[in-house]
């Protein structure tokens, strides 16, 4: 089966679009946050008037679920519940968290002559 140049071009365009659209999601999942307040409310929607779905303790680690903030101060995050250990998602305000930065240690190995 021989593919025409037009079909190959369409396949590359679709592949590029999928790769581009997934790159934001992949980078979002690599961001981690830690709760800095004694208790942090996790909301169903990005609003203080939204129902609270979970209250998490200080130093709980959260994973980013979105590469962008909502309404400038709300982060969509994943977290594990203490009761069942299941992963849930919700919104947390910037005032309750800090971003955890990770560093990579580089080790140089040299051979002896």
N, C-alpha and C. Protein backbone atom coordinates (compact mmCIF):
# COMPACT_ATOMS: atom_id res chain seq x y z
N UNK A 1 0.84 -1.17 0.00
CA UNK A 1 0.00 0.00 0.00
C UNK A 1 0.88 1.24 0.00
N UNK A 2 0.67 2.09 -0.95
CA UNK A 2 1.49 3.28 -1.08
C UNK A 2 0.69 4.49 -0.60
N UNK A 3 1.32 5.28 0.29
CA UNK A 3 0.66 6.48 0.80
C UNK A 3 1.06 7.67 -0.05
N UNK A 4 0.10 8.52 -0.32
CA UNK A 4 0.39 9.73 -1.09
C UNK A 4 1.04 10.76 -0.17
N UNK A 5 1.67 11.74 -0.79
CA UNK A 5 2.33 12.81 -0.05
C UNK A 5 1.32 13.58 0.79
N UNK A 6 0.12 13.75 0.28
CA UNK A 6 -0.93 14.47 1.01
C UNK A 6 -1.32 13.72 2.28
N UNK A 7 -1.47 12.40 2.18
CA UNK A 7 -1.83 11.60 3.35
C UNK A 7 -0.72 11.62 4.40
N UNK A 8 0.51 11.54 3.94
CA UNK A 8 1.66 11.58 4.86
C UNK A 8 1.70 12.93 5.57
N UNK A 9 1.46 14.00 4.84
CA UNK A 9 1.45 15.34 5.43
C UNK A 9 0.37 15.46 6.49
N UNK A 10 -0.80 14.93 6.22
CA UNK A 10 -1.91 14.99 7.18
C UNK A 10 -1.56 14.20 8.44
N UNK A 11 -0.93 13.04 8.26
CA UNK A 11 -0.52 12.22 9.41
C UNK A 11 0.48 12.98 10.27
N UNK A 12 1.46 13.66 9.65
CA UNK A 12 2.45 14.43 10.41
C UNK A 12 1.80 15.61 11.11
N UNK A 13 0.87 16.27 10.49
CA UNK A 13 0.19 17.41 11.11
C UNK A 13 -0.61 16.96 12.33
N UNK A 14 -1.34 15.86 12.18
CA UNK A 14 -2.12 15.34 13.30
C UNK A 14 -1.20 14.89 14.43
N UNK A 15 -0.12 14.21 14.09
CA UNK A 15 0.84 13.76 15.12
C UNK A 15 1.45 14.94 15.85
N UNK A 16 1.81 15.97 15.12
CA UNK A 16 2.39 17.17 15.73
C UNK A 16 1.40 17.86 16.65
N UNK A 17 0.15 17.94 16.21
CA UNK A 17 -0.88 18.56 17.05
C UNK A 17 -1.08 17.78 18.34
N UNK A 18 -1.14 16.46 18.24
CA UNK A 18 -1.32 15.64 19.44
C UNK A 18 -0.14 15.78 20.39
N UNK A 19 1.06 15.77 19.85
CA UNK A 19 2.24 15.94 20.69
C UNK A 19 2.25 17.30 21.37
N UNK A 20 1.90 18.34 20.63
CA UNK A 20 1.85 19.69 21.19
C UNK A 20 0.80 19.81 22.27
N UNK A 21 -0.38 19.24 22.04
CA UNK A 21 -1.46 19.36 23.02
C UNK A 21 -1.17 18.55 24.29
N UNK A 22 -0.46 17.46 24.17
CA UNK A 22 -0.13 16.65 25.34
C UNK A 22 1.04 17.21 26.14
N UNK A 23 1.87 18.05 25.52
CA UNK A 23 3.04 18.55 26.22
C UNK A 23 2.67 19.39 27.43
N UNK A 24 1.58 20.15 27.36
CA UNK A 24 1.12 20.92 28.52
C UNK A 24 0.68 20.03 29.65
N UNK A 25 -0.01 18.97 29.33
CA UNK A 25 -0.47 18.03 30.35
C UNK A 25 0.71 17.33 31.00
N UNK A 26 1.68 16.93 30.22
CA UNK A 26 2.86 16.25 30.76
C UNK A 26 3.64 17.18 31.67
N UNK A 27 3.81 18.45 31.26
CA UNK A 27 4.54 19.39 32.11
C UNK A 27 3.76 19.71 33.37
N UNK A 28 2.43 19.71 33.29
CA UNK A 28 1.62 19.97 34.48
C UNK A 28 1.80 18.86 35.50
N UNK A 29 1.87 17.63 35.04
CA UNK A 29 2.00 16.52 35.96
C UNK A 29 3.34 16.48 36.67
N UNK A 30 4.32 17.17 36.15
CA UNK A 30 5.62 17.17 36.79
C UNK A 30 5.71 18.23 37.88
N UNK A 31 4.72 19.14 37.98
CA UNK A 31 4.73 20.16 39.03
C UNK A 31 4.12 19.59 40.30
N UNK A 32 4.78 19.89 41.40
CA UNK A 32 4.28 19.45 42.69
C UNK A 32 4.14 20.66 43.60
N UNK A 33 3.17 20.59 44.49
CA UNK A 33 2.94 21.65 45.48
C UNK A 33 2.89 21.03 46.86
N UNK A 34 3.18 21.85 47.87
CA UNK A 34 3.08 21.41 49.25
C UNK A 34 2.21 22.41 50.00
N UNK A 35 1.34 21.90 50.83
CA UNK A 35 0.46 22.77 51.61
C UNK A 35 1.26 23.41 52.73
N UNK A 36 1.13 24.74 52.88
CA UNK A 36 1.90 25.50 53.87
C UNK A 36 1.07 25.94 55.07
N UNK A 37 -0.25 25.93 54.93
CA UNK A 37 -1.12 26.31 56.05
C UNK A 37 -1.46 25.06 56.87
N UNK A 38 -1.96 25.27 58.09
CA UNK A 38 -2.29 24.12 58.96
C UNK A 38 -3.33 23.22 58.30
N UNK A 39 -4.32 23.79 57.67
CA UNK A 39 -5.36 23.06 56.95
C UNK A 39 -5.61 23.79 55.64
N UNK A 40 -5.84 23.05 54.56
CA UNK A 40 -6.15 23.65 53.27
C UNK A 40 -7.41 23.01 52.71
N UNK A 41 -8.34 23.85 52.31
CA UNK A 41 -9.57 23.36 51.70
C UNK A 41 -9.35 23.07 50.23
N UNK A 42 -9.85 21.94 49.77
CA UNK A 42 -9.84 21.59 48.36
C UNK A 42 -11.29 21.73 47.88
N UNK A 43 -11.48 22.58 46.87
CA UNK A 43 -12.82 22.92 46.41
C UNK A 43 -13.18 22.17 45.13
N UNK A 44 -14.48 22.00 44.93
CA UNK A 44 -15.00 21.36 43.73
C UNK A 44 -14.81 22.25 42.50
N UNK A 45 -14.98 23.54 42.66
CA UNK A 45 -14.81 24.53 41.59
C UNK A 45 -13.83 25.61 42.07
N UNK A 46 -13.25 26.39 41.16
CA UNK A 46 -12.29 27.43 41.57
C UNK A 46 -12.97 28.66 42.17
N UNK A 47 -13.56 28.49 43.35
CA UNK A 47 -14.27 29.57 44.02
C UNK A 47 -14.40 29.27 45.50
N UNK A 48 -14.30 30.30 46.35
CA UNK A 48 -14.47 30.12 47.79
C UNK A 48 -15.89 29.70 48.15
N UNK A 49 -16.85 30.00 47.28
CA UNK A 49 -18.25 29.65 47.57
C UNK A 49 -18.59 28.23 47.09
N UNK A 50 -17.66 27.57 46.46
CA UNK A 50 -17.86 26.20 45.97
C UNK A 50 -17.80 25.22 47.14
N UNK A 51 -18.43 24.05 47.02
CA UNK A 51 -18.35 23.05 48.10
C UNK A 51 -16.91 22.56 48.32
N UNK A 52 -16.56 22.36 49.58
CA UNK A 52 -15.25 21.82 49.95
C UNK A 52 -15.35 20.30 49.86
N UNK A 53 -14.46 19.69 49.05
CA UNK A 53 -14.51 18.24 48.89
C UNK A 53 -13.54 17.51 49.81
N UNK A 54 -12.54 18.25 50.30
CA UNK A 54 -11.55 17.63 51.20
C UNK A 54 -10.82 18.73 51.96
N UNK A 55 -10.40 18.44 53.17
CA UNK A 55 -9.56 19.33 53.95
C UNK A 55 -8.26 18.58 54.19
N UNK A 56 -7.14 19.15 53.71
CA UNK A 56 -5.85 18.46 53.81
C UNK A 56 -4.95 19.16 54.82
N UNK A 57 -4.07 18.38 55.44
CA UNK A 57 -3.16 18.89 56.47
C UNK A 57 -1.92 19.52 55.86
N UNK A 58 -1.20 20.25 56.70
CA UNK A 58 0.05 20.89 56.32
C UNK A 58 1.05 19.84 55.84
N UNK A 59 1.88 20.21 54.87
CA UNK A 59 2.94 19.39 54.28
C UNK A 59 2.42 18.26 53.38
N UNK A 60 1.13 18.24 53.08
CA UNK A 60 0.60 17.27 52.12
C UNK A 60 1.08 17.67 50.73
N UNK A 61 1.53 16.70 49.95
CA UNK A 61 2.04 16.96 48.59
C UNK A 61 0.90 16.78 47.59
N UNK A 62 0.79 17.75 46.69
CA UNK A 62 -0.23 17.74 45.65
C UNK A 62 0.45 17.74 44.29
N UNK A 63 -0.17 17.09 43.32
CA UNK A 63 0.33 17.08 41.94
C UNK A 63 -0.54 18.00 41.09
N UNK A 64 0.08 18.77 40.24
CA UNK A 64 -0.67 19.66 39.35
C UNK A 64 -1.45 18.83 38.34
N UNK A 65 -2.71 19.21 38.11
CA UNK A 65 -3.54 18.52 37.13
C UNK A 65 -3.78 19.38 35.89
N UNK A 66 -3.26 20.60 35.91
CA UNK A 66 -3.45 21.50 34.78
C UNK A 66 -2.23 22.41 34.64
N UNK A 67 -1.82 22.71 33.42
CA UNK A 67 -0.65 23.57 33.24
C UNK A 67 -0.93 25.06 33.51
N UNK A 68 -2.19 25.42 33.72
CA UNK A 68 -2.51 26.83 33.95
C UNK A 68 -3.34 27.00 35.21
N UNK A 69 -3.37 28.24 35.70
CA UNK A 69 -4.19 28.57 36.85
C UNK A 69 -5.58 28.98 36.38
N UNK A 70 -6.53 28.89 37.27
CA UNK A 70 -7.90 29.29 36.98
C UNK A 70 -8.22 30.50 37.83
N UNK A 71 -8.81 31.50 37.20
CA UNK A 71 -9.16 32.77 37.87
C UNK A 71 -7.96 33.35 38.61
N UNK A 72 -6.79 33.19 38.05
CA UNK A 72 -5.50 33.76 38.49
C UNK A 72 -4.90 33.19 39.77
N UNK A 73 -5.71 32.60 40.66
CA UNK A 73 -5.16 32.14 41.94
C UNK A 73 -5.53 30.70 42.30
N UNK A 74 -6.20 29.99 41.41
CA UNK A 74 -6.65 28.64 41.71
C UNK A 74 -5.88 27.61 40.90
N UNK A 75 -5.36 26.61 41.59
CA UNK A 75 -4.62 25.52 40.96
C UNK A 75 -5.46 24.26 41.00
N UNK A 76 -5.56 23.59 39.85
CA UNK A 76 -6.27 22.32 39.77
C UNK A 76 -5.26 21.23 40.08
N UNK A 77 -5.51 20.45 41.13
CA UNK A 77 -4.52 19.51 41.63
C UNK A 77 -5.11 18.13 41.86
N UNK A 78 -4.23 17.12 41.87
CA UNK A 78 -4.56 15.76 42.28
C UNK A 78 -4.04 15.56 43.69
N UNK A 79 -4.75 14.76 44.46
CA UNK A 79 -4.30 14.41 45.81
C UNK A 79 -4.86 13.06 46.18
N UNK A 80 -4.20 12.39 47.12
CA UNK A 80 -4.68 11.10 47.61
C UNK A 80 -5.43 11.32 48.91
N UNK A 81 -6.58 10.67 49.03
CA UNK A 81 -7.34 10.78 50.27
C UNK A 81 -6.72 9.88 51.33
N UNK A 82 -6.80 10.32 52.56
CA UNK A 82 -6.22 9.53 53.65
C UNK A 82 -7.10 8.34 53.99
N UNK A 83 -8.41 8.48 53.82
CA UNK A 83 -9.33 7.39 54.17
C UNK A 83 -9.17 6.18 53.26
N UNK A 84 -9.31 6.41 51.95
CA UNK A 84 -9.31 5.28 51.02
C UNK A 84 -8.03 5.17 50.19
N UNK A 85 -7.22 6.23 50.16
CA UNK A 85 -6.01 6.21 49.35
C UNK A 85 -6.27 6.44 47.87
N UNK A 86 -7.52 6.78 47.53
CA UNK A 86 -7.86 7.04 46.13
C UNK A 86 -7.39 8.43 45.73
N UNK A 87 -7.14 8.59 44.45
CA UNK A 87 -6.74 9.89 43.93
C UNK A 87 -7.97 10.68 43.53
N UNK A 88 -8.03 11.92 44.01
CA UNK A 88 -9.11 12.84 43.68
C UNK A 88 -8.50 14.11 43.10
N UNK A 89 -9.36 14.94 42.55
CA UNK A 89 -8.91 16.21 41.99
C UNK A 89 -9.80 17.33 42.49
N UNK A 90 -9.21 18.51 42.65
CA UNK A 90 -9.96 19.68 43.09
C UNK A 90 -9.11 20.93 42.95
N UNK A 91 -9.65 22.02 43.42
CA UNK A 91 -8.98 23.31 43.30
C UNK A 91 -8.50 23.79 44.66
N UNK A 92 -7.28 24.33 44.68
CA UNK A 92 -6.71 24.89 45.90
C UNK A 92 -6.21 26.29 45.58
N UNK A 93 -6.36 27.19 46.55
CA UNK A 93 -5.95 28.58 46.37
C UNK A 93 -4.44 28.72 46.56
N UNK A 94 -3.84 29.68 45.84
CA UNK A 94 -2.40 29.95 45.94
C UNK A 94 -1.95 30.26 47.36
N UNK A 95 -2.84 30.84 48.17
CA UNK A 95 -2.47 31.24 49.54
C UNK A 95 -2.11 30.05 50.43
N UNK A 96 -2.51 28.85 50.04
CA UNK A 96 -2.32 27.67 50.89
C UNK A 96 -1.16 26.79 50.48
N UNK A 97 -0.50 27.08 49.36
CA UNK A 97 0.51 26.15 48.83
C UNK A 97 1.78 26.88 48.38
N UNK A 98 2.84 26.09 48.26
CA UNK A 98 4.06 26.56 47.59
C UNK A 98 4.46 25.49 46.58
N UNK A 99 5.15 25.93 45.55
CA UNK A 99 5.64 25.00 44.53
C UNK A 99 6.90 24.32 45.06
N UNK A 100 6.96 23.03 44.88
CA UNK A 100 8.15 22.26 45.27
C UNK A 100 9.06 22.22 44.05
N UNK A 101 10.27 22.69 44.23
CA UNK A 101 11.23 22.62 43.13
C UNK A 101 12.10 21.39 43.32
N UNK A 102 12.36 20.72 42.23
CA UNK A 102 13.21 19.54 42.29
C UNK A 102 14.54 19.87 41.62
N UNK A 103 15.57 19.32 42.15
CA UNK A 103 16.89 19.51 41.57
C UNK A 103 17.44 18.17 41.14
N UNK A 104 18.23 18.21 40.12
CA UNK A 104 18.85 16.99 39.61
C UNK A 104 20.33 17.04 39.93
N UNK A 105 20.83 16.02 40.58
CA UNK A 105 22.26 15.93 40.87
C UNK A 105 22.96 15.29 39.68
N UNK A 106 24.01 15.93 39.21
CA UNK A 106 24.79 15.39 38.11
C UNK A 106 26.09 14.84 38.68
N UNK A 107 26.33 13.58 38.39
CA UNK A 107 27.55 12.93 38.86
C UNK A 107 28.41 12.63 37.64
N UNK A 108 29.65 13.10 37.68
CA UNK A 108 30.57 12.86 36.59
C UNK A 108 31.47 11.68 36.96
N UNK A 109 31.48 10.69 36.10
CA UNK A 109 32.30 9.50 36.33
C UNK A 109 33.47 9.55 35.36
N UNK A 110 34.67 9.48 35.90
CA UNK A 110 35.85 9.50 35.06
C UNK A 110 36.58 8.17 35.16
N UNK A 111 37.14 7.76 34.07
CA UNK A 111 37.92 6.52 34.09
C UNK A 111 39.39 6.85 34.29
N UNK A 112 40.10 5.93 34.92
CA UNK A 112 41.53 6.13 35.11
C UNK A 112 42.27 5.49 33.95
N UNK A 113 43.34 6.14 33.54
CA UNK A 113 44.13 5.63 32.41
C UNK A 113 45.31 4.85 32.91
